[in-house]
Amino acid sequence: MSKAIEPQPTTDIPVPNTSSADSFPRDAALEEAKLIRRLQMMMNMVMQVIAQDATLTIEDASQMIADARTAALAMFPNKELAYDLIWRPRFQRLMRERFRLM
């Protein structure tokens, strides 16, 4: 007759506490990560359109950048400094390269 093997409890692996109080910061972090990813995708799409659309005028490109900034600040209020440090230089470089601005 075979004997069933019972799993032995281990004491060296901590079991996370799954109370509802602990899930709130994790949910907030997941939501923020989702917003950051959405922002990155949006900014990358704007940059791709500006770089690749040969019929795009400088005015249209400038308006796209302004609209992207408005959307970014709607997603992340009071983060103008972060936008100015991260995205503005990228857009400025792209506009200089695309429209040969000096």
N, C-alpha and C. Protein backbone atom coordinates (compact mmCIF):
# COMPACT_ATOMS: atom_id res chain seq x y z
N MET A 1 0.82 -1.16 0.00
CA MET A 1 0.00 0.00 0.00
C MET A 1 0.88 1.24 0.00
N SER A 2 0.46 2.18 -0.83
CA SER A 2 1.26 3.40 -0.92
C SER A 2 0.76 4.41 0.10
N LYS A 3 1.67 5.16 0.54
CA LYS A 3 1.38 6.16 1.55
C LYS A 3 1.41 7.54 0.87
N ALA A 4 0.45 8.41 1.10
CA ALA A 4 0.43 9.74 0.51
C ALA A 4 1.49 10.60 1.16
N ILE A 5 2.18 11.34 0.34
CA ILE A 5 3.23 12.22 0.85
C ILE A 5 2.60 13.56 1.19
N GLU A 6 2.73 13.96 2.42
CA GLU A 6 2.20 15.23 2.89
C GLU A 6 3.26 16.31 2.72
N PRO A 7 2.89 17.49 2.20
CA PRO A 7 3.88 18.58 2.10
C PRO A 7 4.27 19.06 3.49
N GLN A 8 5.53 19.28 3.66
CA GLN A 8 6.06 19.75 4.93
C GLN A 8 6.08 21.28 4.93
N PRO A 9 5.64 21.92 5.99
CA PRO A 9 5.69 23.38 6.04
C PRO A 9 7.13 23.86 6.10
N THR A 10 7.39 24.94 5.40
CA THR A 10 8.73 25.53 5.43
C THR A 10 8.68 26.79 6.28
N THR A 11 9.76 27.01 7.00
CA THR A 11 9.80 28.17 7.87
C THR A 11 10.69 29.26 7.32
N ASP A 12 11.42 29.01 6.25
CA ASP A 12 12.34 30.01 5.73
C ASP A 12 11.73 30.89 4.64
N ILE A 13 10.50 30.64 4.23
CA ILE A 13 9.85 31.46 3.21
C ILE A 13 8.78 32.31 3.88
N PRO A 14 8.95 33.63 3.87
CA PRO A 14 7.93 34.48 4.50
C PRO A 14 6.65 34.50 3.67
N VAL A 15 5.54 34.51 4.35
CA VAL A 15 4.23 34.57 3.70
C VAL A 15 3.77 36.02 3.75
N PRO A 16 3.48 36.61 2.57
CA PRO A 16 3.06 38.02 2.59
C PRO A 16 1.70 38.18 3.24
N ASN A 17 1.55 39.30 3.93
CA ASN A 17 0.28 39.65 4.54
C ASN A 17 -0.63 40.20 3.45
N THR A 18 -1.82 39.65 3.31
CA THR A 18 -2.70 40.07 2.22
C THR A 18 -3.90 40.85 2.74
N SER A 19 -3.69 41.64 3.78
CA SER A 19 -4.80 42.43 4.30
C SER A 19 -5.14 43.55 3.31
N SER A 20 -6.32 44.08 3.42
CA SER A 20 -6.77 45.11 2.49
C SER A 20 -5.99 46.40 2.65
N ALA A 21 -5.44 46.67 3.82
CA ALA A 21 -4.66 47.89 4.03
C ALA A 21 -3.37 47.85 3.22
N ASP A 22 -2.80 46.67 3.06
CA ASP A 22 -1.56 46.54 2.30
C ASP A 22 -1.80 46.59 0.80
N SER A 23 -2.98 46.27 0.33
CA SER A 23 -3.23 46.24 -1.10
C SER A 23 -3.41 47.63 -1.68
N PHE A 24 -3.77 48.63 -0.85
CA PHE A 24 -3.99 49.98 -1.38
C PHE A 24 -2.72 50.58 -1.97
N PRO A 25 -1.59 50.59 -1.28
CA PRO A 25 -0.37 51.16 -1.90
C PRO A 25 0.03 50.39 -3.16
N ARG A 26 -0.15 49.09 -3.15
CA ARG A 26 0.20 48.29 -4.33
C ARG A 26 -0.71 48.64 -5.49
N ASP A 27 -2.01 48.83 -5.24
CA ASP A 27 -2.94 49.22 -6.29
C ASP A 27 -2.60 50.60 -6.83
N ALA A 28 -2.24 51.52 -5.94
CA ALA A 28 -1.87 52.86 -6.38
C ALA A 28 -0.60 52.81 -7.22
N ALA A 29 0.35 51.99 -6.83
CA ALA A 29 1.59 51.86 -7.59
C ALA A 29 1.33 51.26 -8.96
N LEU A 30 0.44 50.27 -9.02
CA LEU A 30 0.09 49.67 -10.31
C LEU A 30 -0.60 50.68 -11.21
N GLU A 31 -1.49 51.48 -10.64
CA GLU A 31 -2.19 52.49 -11.41
C GLU A 31 -1.23 53.55 -11.93
N GLU A 32 -0.28 53.95 -11.10
CA GLU A 32 0.71 54.93 -11.54
C GLU A 32 1.60 54.36 -12.64
N ALA A 33 1.98 53.09 -12.50
CA ALA A 33 2.79 52.45 -13.54
C ALA A 33 2.03 52.38 -14.86
N LYS A 34 0.73 52.13 -14.78
CA LYS A 34 -0.10 52.09 -15.99
C LYS A 34 -0.16 53.47 -16.65
N LEU A 35 -0.32 54.51 -15.84
CA LEU A 35 -0.35 55.87 -16.38
C LEU A 35 0.99 56.26 -17.01
N ILE A 36 2.07 55.87 -16.37
CA ILE A 36 3.40 56.17 -16.92
C ILE A 36 3.59 55.48 -18.25
N ARG A 37 3.20 54.23 -18.34
CA ARG A 37 3.32 53.49 -19.60
C ARG A 37 2.46 54.12 -20.69
N ARG A 38 1.25 54.53 -20.33
CA ARG A 38 0.36 55.19 -21.30
C ARG A 38 0.97 56.51 -21.78
N LEU A 39 1.56 57.26 -20.86
CA LEU A 39 2.21 58.52 -21.22
C LEU A 39 3.39 58.26 -22.16
N GLN A 40 4.19 57.26 -21.86
CA GLN A 40 5.33 56.93 -22.73
C GLN A 40 4.86 56.55 -24.13
N MET A 41 3.82 55.75 -24.22
CA MET A 41 3.31 55.35 -25.53
C MET A 41 2.79 56.56 -26.30
N MET A 42 2.07 57.44 -25.61
CA MET A 42 1.52 58.62 -26.26
C MET A 42 2.64 59.51 -26.78
N MET A 43 3.63 59.78 -25.95
CA MET A 43 4.74 60.65 -26.36
C MET A 43 5.54 60.02 -27.50
N ASN A 44 5.74 58.73 -27.44
CA ASN A 44 6.46 58.05 -28.53
C ASN A 44 5.69 58.11 -29.84
N MET A 45 4.37 57.99 -29.77
CA MET A 45 3.57 58.08 -31.00
C MET A 45 3.64 59.49 -31.58
N VAL A 46 3.57 60.51 -30.73
CA VAL A 46 3.68 61.89 -31.21
C VAL A 46 5.04 62.09 -31.88
N MET A 47 6.09 61.60 -31.25
CA MET A 47 7.43 61.75 -31.80
C MET A 47 7.57 61.01 -33.14
N GLN A 48 6.97 59.85 -33.24
CA GLN A 48 7.04 59.08 -34.48
C GLN A 48 6.30 59.80 -35.61
N VAL A 49 5.15 60.34 -35.32
CA VAL A 49 4.38 61.06 -36.35
C VAL A 49 5.19 62.27 -36.82
N ILE A 50 5.75 63.02 -35.89
CA ILE A 50 6.52 64.20 -36.27
C ILE A 50 7.74 63.80 -37.11
N ALA A 51 8.38 62.74 -36.74
CA ALA A 51 9.59 62.30 -37.44
C ALA A 51 9.30 61.72 -38.81
N GLN A 52 8.16 61.06 -38.98
CA GLN A 52 7.93 60.28 -40.19
C GLN A 52 6.95 60.89 -41.18
N ASP A 53 6.08 61.78 -40.76
CA ASP A 53 5.08 62.34 -41.67
C ASP A 53 5.68 63.49 -42.46
N ALA A 54 5.93 63.24 -43.74
CA ALA A 54 6.58 64.24 -44.59
C ALA A 54 5.68 65.43 -44.89
N THR A 55 4.37 65.26 -44.75
CA THR A 55 3.45 66.35 -45.06
C THR A 55 3.14 67.23 -43.85
N LEU A 56 3.68 66.90 -42.71
CA LEU A 56 3.40 67.63 -41.47
C LEU A 56 4.11 68.98 -41.49
N THR A 57 3.37 70.04 -41.19
CA THR A 57 3.97 71.37 -41.14
C THR A 57 4.52 71.63 -39.73
N ILE A 58 5.36 72.63 -39.62
CA ILE A 58 5.93 72.96 -38.32
C ILE A 58 4.85 73.42 -37.34
N GLU A 59 3.82 74.09 -37.86
CA GLU A 59 2.72 74.53 -37.00
C GLU A 59 1.94 73.33 -36.46
N ASP A 60 1.68 72.35 -37.35
CA ASP A 60 0.96 71.15 -36.91
C ASP A 60 1.78 70.37 -35.87
N ALA A 61 3.07 70.27 -36.11
CA ALA A 61 3.94 69.56 -35.16
C ALA A 61 3.96 70.27 -33.81
N SER A 62 4.04 71.58 -33.85
CA SER A 62 4.02 72.36 -32.60
C SER A 62 2.71 72.18 -31.86
N GLN A 63 1.61 72.14 -32.59
CA GLN A 63 0.31 71.93 -31.95
C GLN A 63 0.22 70.53 -31.35
N MET A 64 0.76 69.54 -32.04
CA MET A 64 0.77 68.18 -31.49
C MET A 64 1.54 68.13 -30.18
N ILE A 65 2.68 68.81 -30.14
CA ILE A 65 3.49 68.83 -28.93
C ILE A 65 2.75 69.54 -27.80
N ALA A 66 2.10 70.65 -28.11
CA ALA A 66 1.33 71.37 -27.09
C ALA A 66 0.18 70.51 -26.56
N ASP A 67 -0.49 69.80 -27.45
CA ASP A 67 -1.58 68.92 -27.02
C ASP A 67 -1.06 67.76 -26.18
N ALA A 68 0.11 67.22 -26.55
CA ALA A 68 0.70 66.14 -25.78
C ALA A 68 1.08 66.63 -24.37
N ARG A 69 1.59 67.85 -24.28
CA ARG A 69 1.93 68.42 -22.97
C ARG A 69 0.67 68.59 -22.13
N THR A 70 -0.40 69.09 -22.73
CA THR A 70 -1.66 69.25 -22.00
C THR A 70 -2.17 67.91 -21.48
N ALA A 71 -2.10 66.89 -22.32
CA ALA A 71 -2.55 65.55 -21.91
C ALA A 71 -1.67 64.99 -20.79
N ALA A 72 -0.35 65.20 -20.91
CA ALA A 72 0.57 64.70 -19.89
C ALA A 72 0.30 65.36 -18.54
N LEU A 73 0.06 66.67 -18.56
CA LEU A 73 -0.20 67.37 -17.31
C LEU A 73 -1.58 67.05 -16.75
N ALA A 74 -2.50 66.64 -17.61
CA ALA A 74 -3.81 66.18 -17.12
C ALA A 74 -3.66 64.83 -16.42
N MET A 75 -2.78 64.00 -16.94
CA MET A 75 -2.53 62.69 -16.33
C MET A 75 -1.74 62.82 -15.03
N PHE A 76 -0.79 63.76 -15.01
CA PHE A 76 0.09 63.97 -13.86
C PHE A 76 0.08 65.45 -13.48
N PRO A 77 -0.94 65.90 -12.75
CA PRO A 77 -1.01 67.32 -12.38
C PRO A 77 0.20 67.75 -11.55
N ASN A 78 0.58 69.00 -11.70
CA ASN A 78 1.69 69.60 -10.95
C ASN A 78 3.04 68.95 -11.23
N LYS A 79 3.21 68.37 -12.41
CA LYS A 79 4.48 67.76 -12.79
C LYS A 79 5.11 68.48 -13.98
N GLU A 80 4.92 69.80 -14.03
CA GLU A 80 5.48 70.58 -15.13
C GLU A 80 7.00 70.46 -15.18
N LEU A 81 7.64 70.47 -14.02
CA LEU A 81 9.10 70.37 -13.98
C LEU A 81 9.57 69.05 -14.57
N ALA A 82 8.90 67.97 -14.23
CA ALA A 82 9.27 66.66 -14.78
C ALA A 82 9.11 66.66 -16.30
N TYR A 83 8.02 67.23 -16.78
CA TYR A 83 7.81 67.32 -18.23
C TYR A 83 8.94 68.13 -18.87
N ASP A 84 9.25 69.28 -18.27
CA ASP A 84 10.29 70.16 -18.83
C ASP A 84 11.67 69.51 -18.82
N LEU A 85 11.92 68.64 -17.86
CA LEU A 85 13.23 67.97 -17.80
C LEU A 85 13.32 66.75 -18.70
N ILE A 86 12.21 66.06 -18.87
CA ILE A 86 12.25 64.79 -19.62
C ILE A 86 11.83 64.96 -21.08
N TRP A 87 10.66 65.53 -21.30
CA TRP A 87 10.08 65.52 -22.64
C TRP A 87 10.42 66.73 -23.48
N ARG A 88 10.49 67.92 -22.88
CA ARG A 88 10.75 69.13 -23.67
C ARG A 88 12.06 69.04 -24.46
N PRO A 89 13.17 68.61 -23.85
CA PRO A 89 14.41 68.51 -24.65
C PRO A 89 14.30 67.53 -25.81
N ARG A 90 13.58 66.45 -25.61
CA ARG A 90 13.41 65.47 -26.69
C ARG A 90 12.62 66.07 -27.85
N PHE A 91 11.54 66.77 -27.52
CA PHE A 91 10.75 67.40 -28.57
C PHE A 91 11.53 68.52 -29.26
N GLN A 92 12.30 69.29 -28.50
CA GLN A 92 13.11 70.35 -29.11
C GLN A 92 14.14 69.77 -30.07
N ARG A 93 14.80 68.70 -29.66
CA ARG A 93 15.80 68.06 -30.53
C ARG A 93 15.13 67.52 -31.79
N LEU A 94 13.98 66.89 -31.63
CA LEU A 94 13.25 66.35 -32.78
C LEU A 94 12.84 67.46 -33.75
N MET A 95 12.34 68.55 -33.22
CA MET A 95 11.93 69.67 -34.09
C MET A 95 13.13 70.26 -34.81
N ARG A 96 14.27 70.39 -34.14
CA ARG A 96 15.48 70.90 -34.79
C ARG A 96 15.91 69.97 -35.91
N GLU A 97 15.90 68.67 -35.67
CA GLU A 97 16.32 67.71 -36.69
C GLU A 97 15.32 67.64 -37.84
N ARG A 98 14.05 67.61 -37.52
CA ARG A 98 13.01 67.40 -38.55
C ARG A 98 12.85 68.63 -39.44
N PHE A 99 12.86 69.82 -38.84
CA PHE A 99 12.61 71.04 -39.61
C PHE A 99 13.87 71.88 -39.81
N ARG A 100 15.01 71.31 -39.45
CA ARG A 100 16.31 71.97 -39.62
C ARG A 100 16.33 73.36 -39.01
N LEU A 101 15.88 73.43 -37.76
CA LEU A 101 15.86 74.70 -37.04
C LEU A 101 17.22 74.91 -36.37
N MET A 102 17.59 76.13 -36.20
CA MET A 102 18.85 76.44 -35.52
C MET A 102 18.60 77.16 -34.23
